[in-house]
Protein backbone atom coordinates (compact mmCIF):
# COMPACT_ATOMS: atom_id res chain seq x y z
CA MET A 1 44.74 58.12 -26.04
CA GLY A 2 46.91 60.74 -26.86
CA LEU A 3 49.61 62.43 -25.00
CA ILE A 4 48.44 63.21 -21.42
CA GLY A 5 50.25 66.66 -21.44
CA GLY A 6 48.76 67.58 -24.79
CA PRO A 7 50.99 69.62 -27.30
CA ALA A 8 54.02 71.31 -26.14
CA MET A 9 53.82 74.84 -24.59
CA PRO A 10 54.29 77.82 -27.12
CA TRP A 11 57.44 79.82 -26.23
CA THR A 12 56.52 83.38 -26.05
CA GLU A 13 58.78 86.00 -27.51
CA MET A 14 59.73 87.44 -23.86
CA SER A 15 60.91 83.92 -22.65
CA VAL A 16 62.59 82.27 -25.74
CA MET A 17 65.89 83.32 -24.38
CA ASP A 18 65.13 82.14 -21.01
CA GLN A 19 63.71 78.77 -22.28
CA ARG A 20 67.10 78.10 -24.46
CA LEU A 21 69.51 78.87 -21.49
CA GLU A 22 67.73 76.67 -19.38
CA PHE A 23 67.72 74.00 -22.05
CA VAL A 24 71.63 74.35 -22.61
CA ARG A 25 72.13 74.32 -18.63
CA LEU A 26 70.20 71.02 -18.20
CA ALA A 27 71.54 69.41 -21.42
CA SER A 28 75.19 70.13 -20.36
CA ALA A 29 74.87 68.37 -16.89
CA GLU A 30 76.63 65.10 -16.70
CA GLY A 31 74.57 61.99 -17.86
CA ALA A 32 71.91 64.14 -19.20
CA ASN A 33 69.49 62.46 -22.07
CA ARG A 34 69.88 65.03 -24.53
CA ARG A 35 67.48 63.74 -27.15
CA GLU A 36 64.76 63.50 -24.43
CA LEU A 37 65.24 67.03 -23.50
CA CYS A 38 64.84 68.06 -27.11
CA ARG A 39 61.67 66.25 -27.09
CA ARG A 40 60.32 67.77 -24.03
CA TYR A 41 61.44 71.42 -25.22
CA ALA A 42 59.66 70.84 -28.65
CA ILE A 43 62.94 71.06 -30.71
CA SER A 44 64.83 69.01 -33.09
CA ALA A 45 68.16 67.28 -31.96
CA GLU A 46 69.91 69.33 -34.66
CA THR A 47 68.75 72.52 -33.00
CA GLY A 48 69.87 71.33 -29.68
CA TYR A 49 73.07 70.45 -30.47
CA LYS A 50 73.64 73.86 -32.10
CA TRP A 51 72.69 75.68 -29.27
CA LEU A 52 75.03 73.42 -27.04
CA ARG A 53 77.90 74.25 -29.75
CA ARG A 54 77.33 77.98 -29.58
CA HIS A 55 77.03 77.92 -25.78
CA ALA A 56 80.45 76.13 -25.45
CA ASP A 57 81.94 78.19 -27.91
CA GLY A 58 80.65 81.28 -26.27
CA ARG A 59 79.34 82.51 -29.62
CA GLY A 60 75.54 83.90 -30.51
CA ASP A 61 72.62 84.61 -28.64
CA LEU A 62 73.19 81.93 -26.00
CA SER A 63 76.64 83.44 -24.69
CA ASP A 64 76.49 83.94 -20.90
CA ARG A 65 78.01 87.23 -21.14
CA SER A 66 77.51 90.03 -18.53
CA ARG A 67 76.23 93.33 -19.72
CA ARG A 68 78.68 95.07 -17.09
CA PRO A 69 82.34 95.33 -17.96
CA LEU A 70 84.48 92.53 -17.35
CA SER A 71 87.01 92.78 -14.16
CA SER A 72 90.14 94.50 -14.57
CA PRO A 73 93.37 95.03 -12.32
CA ALA A 74 92.97 98.78 -12.67
CA ARG A 75 89.33 98.99 -11.59
CA SER A 76 88.53 101.43 -9.09
CA SER A 77 86.48 101.02 -5.70
CA VAL A 78 84.03 103.29 -7.48
CA ALA A 79 83.37 101.01 -10.28
CA ILE A 80 82.91 98.22 -7.72
CA GLU A 81 80.61 100.13 -5.71
CA GLU A 82 78.52 100.97 -9.01
CA ALA A 83 78.37 97.30 -9.94
CA VAL A 84 77.10 96.46 -6.45
CA VAL A 85 74.43 98.77 -6.71
CA ALA A 86 73.49 98.09 -10.15
CA VAL A 87 72.88 94.14 -9.15
CA ARG A 88 70.72 95.78 -5.99
CA THR A 89 68.66 97.83 -8.20
CA GLU A 90 67.99 94.91 -10.55
CA HIS A 91 67.25 92.81 -7.88
CA PRO A 92 66.01 95.02 -4.60
CA ALA A 93 65.52 91.93 -2.36
CA TRP A 94 69.02 90.61 -2.65
CA GLY A 95 71.50 90.84 -0.07
CA ALA A 96 75.28 91.25 0.15
CA ARG A 97 76.29 87.50 -0.19
CA LYS A 98 73.86 87.23 -3.17
CA ILE A 99 75.25 90.06 -4.83
CA ALA A 100 78.95 89.11 -3.83
CA ALA A 101 78.49 85.61 -5.44
CA CYS A 102 76.61 86.99 -8.40
CA LEU A 103 79.80 89.57 -9.31
CA ARG A 104 82.30 87.02 -8.64
CA ARG A 105 80.35 84.60 -11.13
CA GLU A 106 81.03 87.62 -13.65
CA GLY A 107 84.68 87.66 -13.04
CA LEU A 108 84.89 90.58 -10.79
CA GLN A 109 87.17 90.67 -7.66
CA VAL A 110 84.87 91.97 -4.82
CA PRO A 111 85.72 92.42 -1.19
CA ALA A 112 84.06 90.76 1.76
CA PRO A 113 80.13 90.46 1.78
CA SER A 114 80.22 92.85 5.12
CA THR A 115 81.91 95.43 2.72
CA LEU A 116 79.32 95.18 0.17
CA HIS A 117 76.84 95.61 3.03
CA ALA A 118 78.45 98.64 4.22
CA ILE A 119 78.15 99.79 0.42
CA LEU A 120 74.41 99.09 0.27
CA ALA A 121 73.92 100.94 3.79
CA ARG A 122 76.02 103.95 2.53
CA ARG A 123 74.29 104.27 -0.54
CA GLY A 124 70.92 104.06 0.83
CA CYS A 125 69.86 100.68 -0.53
CA ILE A 126 69.36 98.74 2.93
CA GLU A 127 65.87 98.05 3.87
CA PRO A 128 65.37 97.25 7.80
CA PRO A 129 65.38 93.56 8.24
CA ALA A 130 62.36 91.44 8.61
CA GLY A 131 61.86 89.75 12.15
CA GLY A 132 61.33 86.10 12.87
CA ALA A 133 63.63 83.39 14.00
CA ARG A 134 64.96 81.15 11.39
CA ALA A 135 64.50 77.48 11.19
CA THR A 136 67.68 75.63 12.70
CA GLY A 137 66.76 72.11 11.35
CA ARG A 138 66.98 71.25 7.53
CA PHE A 139 66.26 68.07 5.73
CA GLU A 140 67.16 67.30 1.91
CA ARG A 141 66.68 64.61 -0.31
CA GLU A 142 69.67 63.14 -1.84
CA ALA A 143 68.90 63.73 -5.55
CA PRO A 144 66.72 65.65 -7.83
CA ASN A 145 62.99 64.74 -8.24
CA SER A 146 63.12 62.41 -5.29
CA LEU A 147 60.47 64.82 -3.83
CA TRP A 148 58.73 68.17 -4.98
CA GLN A 149 57.07 70.46 -2.55
CA MET A 150 53.85 71.80 -3.98
CA ASP A 151 51.42 74.43 -2.59
CA PHE A 152 49.51 77.66 -3.32
CA LYS A 153 51.09 80.90 -2.22
CA GLY A 154 48.40 83.08 -0.41
CA TRP A 155 46.20 84.80 -3.22
CA VAL A 156 46.81 88.40 -4.24
CA ARG A 157 44.31 90.42 -6.22
CA THR A 158 45.26 91.82 -9.61
CA ASN A 159 44.78 95.33 -10.89
CA ASP A 160 41.75 93.99 -12.90
CA GLY A 161 40.24 92.87 -9.62
CA ARG A 162 40.40 89.23 -9.90
CA PRO A 163 42.05 86.95 -7.13
CA LEU A 164 45.23 85.27 -8.37
CA HIS A 165 46.50 81.99 -6.80
CA PRO A 166 50.21 81.31 -7.50
CA LEU A 167 51.04 77.91 -7.73
CA THR A 168 54.50 76.61 -6.79
CA VAL A 169 56.37 73.53 -7.03
CA VAL A 170 60.11 73.31 -5.95
CA ASP A 171 62.34 70.40 -5.91
CA ASP A 172 63.44 69.55 -2.52
CA HIS A 173 66.90 68.52 -3.67
CA SER A 174 68.10 71.63 -5.67
CA ARG A 175 65.44 74.24 -4.72
CA PHE A 176 64.66 74.25 -8.49
CA SER A 177 61.52 75.99 -9.26
CA VAL A 178 59.78 73.62 -11.84
CA CYS A 179 56.58 75.35 -11.70
CA LEU A 180 55.24 78.86 -10.98
CA GLU A 181 51.80 79.46 -12.37
CA ALA A 182 49.29 82.00 -12.11
CA CYS A 183 46.09 80.56 -11.47
CA LEU A 184 42.76 81.90 -11.19
CA ASP A 185 41.49 79.16 -8.81
CA GLN A 186 42.78 76.31 -6.78
CA THR A 187 40.75 73.38 -8.43
CA ALA A 188 42.26 69.91 -9.01
CA GLN A 189 41.65 70.60 -12.86
CA THR A 190 43.59 73.69 -12.78
CA VAL A 191 46.49 72.07 -10.74
CA LYS A 192 46.41 69.05 -12.99
CA SER A 193 46.53 70.93 -16.24
CA ARG A 194 49.55 72.93 -15.05
CA LEU A 195 51.35 69.51 -13.98
CA GLU A 196 50.78 67.93 -17.20
CA ARG A 197 52.81 70.64 -18.81
CA VAL A 198 55.56 70.55 -16.12
CA PHE A 199 55.62 66.57 -16.43
CA ALA A 200 56.11 66.76 -20.07
CA ARG A 201 59.04 69.40 -19.64
CA TYR A 202 60.87 67.96 -16.59
CA GLY A 203 59.55 64.42 -16.19
CA LEU A 204 57.99 62.93 -13.13
CA PRO A 205 59.17 62.97 -9.53
CA GLU A 206 59.06 60.21 -7.16
CA ALA A 207 56.62 61.76 -4.92
CA PHE A 208 54.93 64.98 -4.00
CA PHE A 209 55.14 66.73 -0.45
CA VAL A 210 51.74 68.78 0.23
CA ASP A 211 49.52 69.95 3.03
CA ASN A 212 46.19 68.67 3.86
CA GLY A 213 44.15 71.49 2.11
CA SER A 214 42.45 71.20 -1.37
CA PRO A 215 42.90 69.99 -3.94
CA TRP A 216 45.40 67.64 -2.45
CA GLY A 217 43.53 66.51 0.72
CA ASP A 218 39.75 66.25 1.47
CA SER A 219 37.87 68.13 3.93
CA GLY A 220 37.06 64.97 5.96
CA GLY A 221 40.89 64.32 6.60
CA GLY A 222 40.77 61.13 4.73
CA ASN A 223 43.25 62.77 2.19
CA TRP A 224 42.34 60.55 -1.05
CA THR A 225 41.17 62.50 -3.95
CA ARG A 226 40.82 61.85 -7.50
CA PHE A 227 43.74 64.15 -7.99
CA GLY A 228 45.96 61.93 -5.79
CA VAL A 229 44.61 58.84 -7.60
CA TRP A 230 45.56 60.42 -10.97
CA LEU A 231 49.10 60.71 -9.32
CA LEU A 232 49.01 57.22 -8.36
CA LYS A 233 48.42 56.08 -11.86
CA LEU A 234 51.61 57.99 -13.00
CA GLY A 235 53.48 56.26 -10.42
CA VAL A 236 53.85 59.39 -7.97
CA ASP A 237 53.43 59.11 -4.40
CA VAL A 238 51.72 61.69 -2.59
CA LEU A 239 53.11 62.56 1.22
CA HIS A 240 51.20 65.14 3.44
CA SER A 241 52.42 67.21 5.78
CA ARG A 242 51.41 66.61 9.55
CA PRO A 243 48.35 68.92 10.33
CA TYR A 244 49.21 72.33 11.77
CA HIS A 245 52.91 72.01 10.81
CA PRO A 246 53.50 74.09 7.96
CA GLN A 247 57.17 74.25 8.62
CA GLY A 248 57.41 70.70 7.58
CA ARG A 249 57.27 72.34 3.88
CA GLY A 250 60.02 74.80 4.73
CA LYS A 251 61.40 74.92 1.25
CA ASN A 252 58.39 75.88 -0.38
CA GLU A 253 57.55 78.31 2.52
CA ARG A 254 60.87 79.99 1.95
CA PHE A 255 60.19 80.09 -1.85
CA HIS A 256 56.79 81.87 -1.30
CA ARG A 257 58.53 84.49 0.95
CA THR A 258 61.23 85.18 -1.69
CA LEU A 259 58.57 85.45 -4.32
CA GLY A 260 56.42 87.81 -2.28
CA ALA A 261 59.77 89.88 -1.70
CA GLU A 262 61.22 89.89 -5.11
CA VAL A 263 58.00 89.92 -7.14
CA LEU A 264 54.84 90.55 -5.66
CA ALA A 265 55.86 93.36 -3.51
CA LEU A 266 57.69 95.34 -6.12
CA ARG A 267 55.33 95.78 -8.98
CA PRO A 268 51.53 95.88 -9.71
CA LEU A 269 50.02 92.93 -11.51
CA ARG A 270 47.50 94.17 -14.13
CA ASP A 271 45.92 90.62 -14.89
CA ALA A 272 46.57 86.87 -14.84
CA ALA A 273 48.59 87.23 -18.25
CA HIS A 274 50.70 90.07 -17.05
CA ALA A 275 51.58 88.13 -13.80
CA GLN A 276 52.35 85.00 -15.74
CA ASP A 277 54.88 87.16 -17.63
CA ALA A 278 56.35 88.37 -14.42
CA PHE A 279 56.36 84.78 -12.94
CA ASP A 280 58.32 83.36 -16.06
CA ALA A 281 61.15 86.28 -16.00
CA TRP A 282 61.53 85.78 -12.19
CA ARG A 283 61.52 81.88 -12.36
CA ASN A 284 64.62 82.18 -14.68
CA VAL A 285 66.45 84.40 -12.59
CA TYR A 286 65.50 82.34 -9.42
CA ASN A 287 66.90 79.16 -11.32
CA GLN A 288 69.65 80.28 -13.36
CA LYS A 289 71.13 83.37 -11.57
CA ARG A 290 70.22 84.19 -8.05
CA PRO A 291 72.58 82.55 -5.51
CA HIS A 292 71.00 80.42 -2.98
CA GLN A 293 72.54 80.66 0.58
CA ALA A 294 71.53 77.02 1.52
CA LEU A 295 73.25 75.79 -1.63
CA GLY A 296 76.53 77.36 -0.85
CA MET A 297 75.55 80.16 -3.32
CA GLU A 298 75.37 78.07 -6.14
CA VAL A 299 72.12 78.50 -8.35
CA PRO A 300 69.33 76.06 -8.16
CA ALA A 301 70.01 75.05 -11.76
CA ALA A 302 73.60 73.91 -10.90
CA ARG A 303 72.04 71.12 -8.82
CA TYR A 304 69.13 70.04 -10.81
CA ALA A 305 68.57 67.42 -13.75
CA PRO A 306 65.13 66.56 -15.32
CA SER A 307 63.67 63.39 -14.38
CA PRO A 308 64.32 60.28 -16.72
CA ARG A 309 60.87 59.08 -15.99
CA ALA A 310 58.88 60.71 -19.01
CA LEU A 311 55.03 61.49 -18.91
CA PRO A 312 53.48 58.30 -20.39
CA GLU A 313 51.15 58.57 -23.26
CA LYS A 314 48.51 56.65 -21.43
CA LEU A 315 47.72 56.18 -17.60
CA ALA A 316 48.76 52.80 -16.30
CA GLU A 317 45.95 50.88 -14.55
CA PRO A 318 46.69 48.68 -11.43
CA GLU A 319 47.27 44.97 -12.09
CA TYR A 320 46.22 42.22 -9.61
CA ASP A 321 46.81 38.51 -9.01
CA SER A 322 44.11 36.33 -10.42
CA GLN A 323 43.70 34.59 -7.12
CA GLU A 324 43.05 37.98 -5.16
CA GLY A 325 39.71 39.23 -4.35
CA VAL A 326 39.34 41.89 -7.02
CA ARG A 327 36.47 44.31 -6.96
CA ARG A 328 35.28 47.34 -8.57
CA VAL A 329 34.33 50.14 -6.66
CA GLY A 330 30.85 51.53 -7.49
CA LYS A 331 30.73 54.62 -9.86
CA THR A 332 27.81 56.15 -7.97
CA LYS A 333 27.76 54.84 -4.29
CA HIS A 334 31.49 53.83 -4.03
CA TYR A 335 30.79 50.33 -2.41
CA VAL A 336 32.65 46.89 -2.64
CA ALA A 337 30.85 43.59 -2.26
CA PHE A 338 32.73 41.27 0.20
CA GLN A 339 31.43 38.41 2.12
CA GLY A 340 27.84 39.06 1.24
CA ARG A 341 28.06 42.50 2.52
CA LEU A 342 28.36 46.14 1.05
CA TRP A 343 31.37 48.11 2.19
CA LYS A 344 31.78 51.78 1.59
CA ALA A 345 35.28 52.52 -0.16
CA PRO A 346 37.03 55.95 -0.32
CA MET A 347 35.00 58.40 -2.63
CA ALA A 348 37.93 58.98 -4.59
CA PHE A 349 38.23 55.48 -5.96
CA ARG A 350 35.00 55.61 -7.31
CA GLY A 351 34.93 53.26 -10.69
CA GLU A 352 38.29 51.79 -9.81
CA THR A 353 39.45 48.55 -9.50
CA VAL A 354 40.67 47.35 -6.10
CA ALA A 355 41.93 43.95 -4.31
CA ILE A 356 40.72 42.88 -0.88
CA ARG A 357 43.48 41.08 0.74
CA PRO A 358 43.69 39.34 4.20
CA LEU A 359 45.73 40.93 7.11
CA GLN A 360 47.65 39.66 9.80
CA GLN A 361 44.59 39.78 12.26
CA ASP A 362 41.93 37.17 11.86
CA ARG A 363 39.03 38.28 9.97
CA LEU A 364 40.65 41.65 9.07
CA PHE A 365 41.10 42.56 5.42
CA GLY A 366 42.69 45.17 3.70
CA VAL A 367 41.29 47.02 0.69
CA PHE A 368 44.36 47.91 -1.79
CA PHE A 369 44.74 50.30 -5.03
CA ALA A 370 47.79 48.33 -6.41
CA SER A 371 50.07 48.14 -3.62
CA HIS A 372 48.50 51.15 -1.63
CA GLN A 373 46.12 50.15 1.16
CA ILE A 374 43.15 52.52 0.95
CA ALA A 375 40.80 50.94 3.72
CA SER A 376 40.15 48.05 5.91
CA ILE A 377 37.23 45.83 6.32
CA ASP A 378 36.83 44.32 9.96
CA LEU A 379 33.98 41.38 9.70
CA THR A 380 33.91 41.36 13.43
CA GLN A 381 32.17 44.89 13.28
CA PRO A 382 28.93 45.71 11.74
CA GLN A 383 30.15 49.25 10.46
CA THR A 384 31.39 50.03 7.11
CA VAL A 385 35.14 50.15 6.33
CA SER A 386 37.80 52.06 7.92
CA HIS A 387 39.41 54.25 5.45
CA VAL A 388 43.26 54.16 5.42
CA SER A 389 44.71 57.83 4.67
CA GLU A 390 47.68 58.83 2.56
CA PRO A 391 51.02 58.70 4.16
CA VAL A 392 51.76 61.43 6.58
CA SER A 393 55.37 62.67 6.33
CA THR A 394 57.59 62.97 9.35
CA MET A 395 60.18 64.93 7.71
CA SER A 396 61.88 67.84 9.76
CA PRO A 397 61.58 71.41 8.56
CA GLY A 398 63.47 72.29 5.42
């Protein structure tokens, strides 16, 4: 079997510089595996190190220079106002704190955010604030790739009349956007194809945090899906939010609001290809340039590093002890045979190999896929097995 992710994604002409800058930032991080990053970005090691040298020397296309003039002690307040308005014009949804952080990063001596806010108000750049209380509790994983939050943003209609479903994946620790894809549907196959490319670039996370809807949950509430089984074979756990508690995926919800304000509300999208171009450009701004208040006005890329777990060339299969009761779930009727009876297993595991192991209670057995219990068998009862759902997260809003 070839590489699961297939060939590397071609870099469009519009996004070549963004891709190079992302590579340089990730490869410059402490402990970065530069040769592995070169492989994931489909470049030679020689090319990767050449970009790193140019960036370190401040030379060539990779120099991180602003188009605005550098700071000067003689700079007038009028020039500062013009710089503030220029950033606001380029990023209409940014507030005074983000603009101040951006200008300081470029070497400008800027006044307090309250003064910048007054400048924006005086120049007619302030929109009325949106209502709604902010979340007061926050949760954050300790390291990049410990948890990725994944969801579809509510669909929008492009100018060609087709519905568009933005697929978003955000790293819980850094808020780094590893995926922003313009999808024409919400099927498991579509999500899988997009994630294969993401895994090939950024590596594998330890777990995903998702809601209970399709394609990561089933309509019956059992949660196990073929999509989830695929992730298990990659060594990626799936955590589900509590039903009716979307705030548990707060970082992803916040990302959706920002995407709506800074992209979807500001420009018409002709079709899916045009939308993807807009998403690619904005994802680079979000990761590399946009200060994030929850990160102390750092950019997400400053706290992110790719996962050392590379996408394998072949899916792993579970291994069991020879003394265990190993069974293969039927491919059509998804039953397993045990103690002279047929027991129905979760449909997602059709054709998969499972193990039946005794539990602490007498005549009660668990059905396991690798180390994950997916069902239980009670020999004292006549009915079929009781399915064990995927884990539900108890994380606080973040």
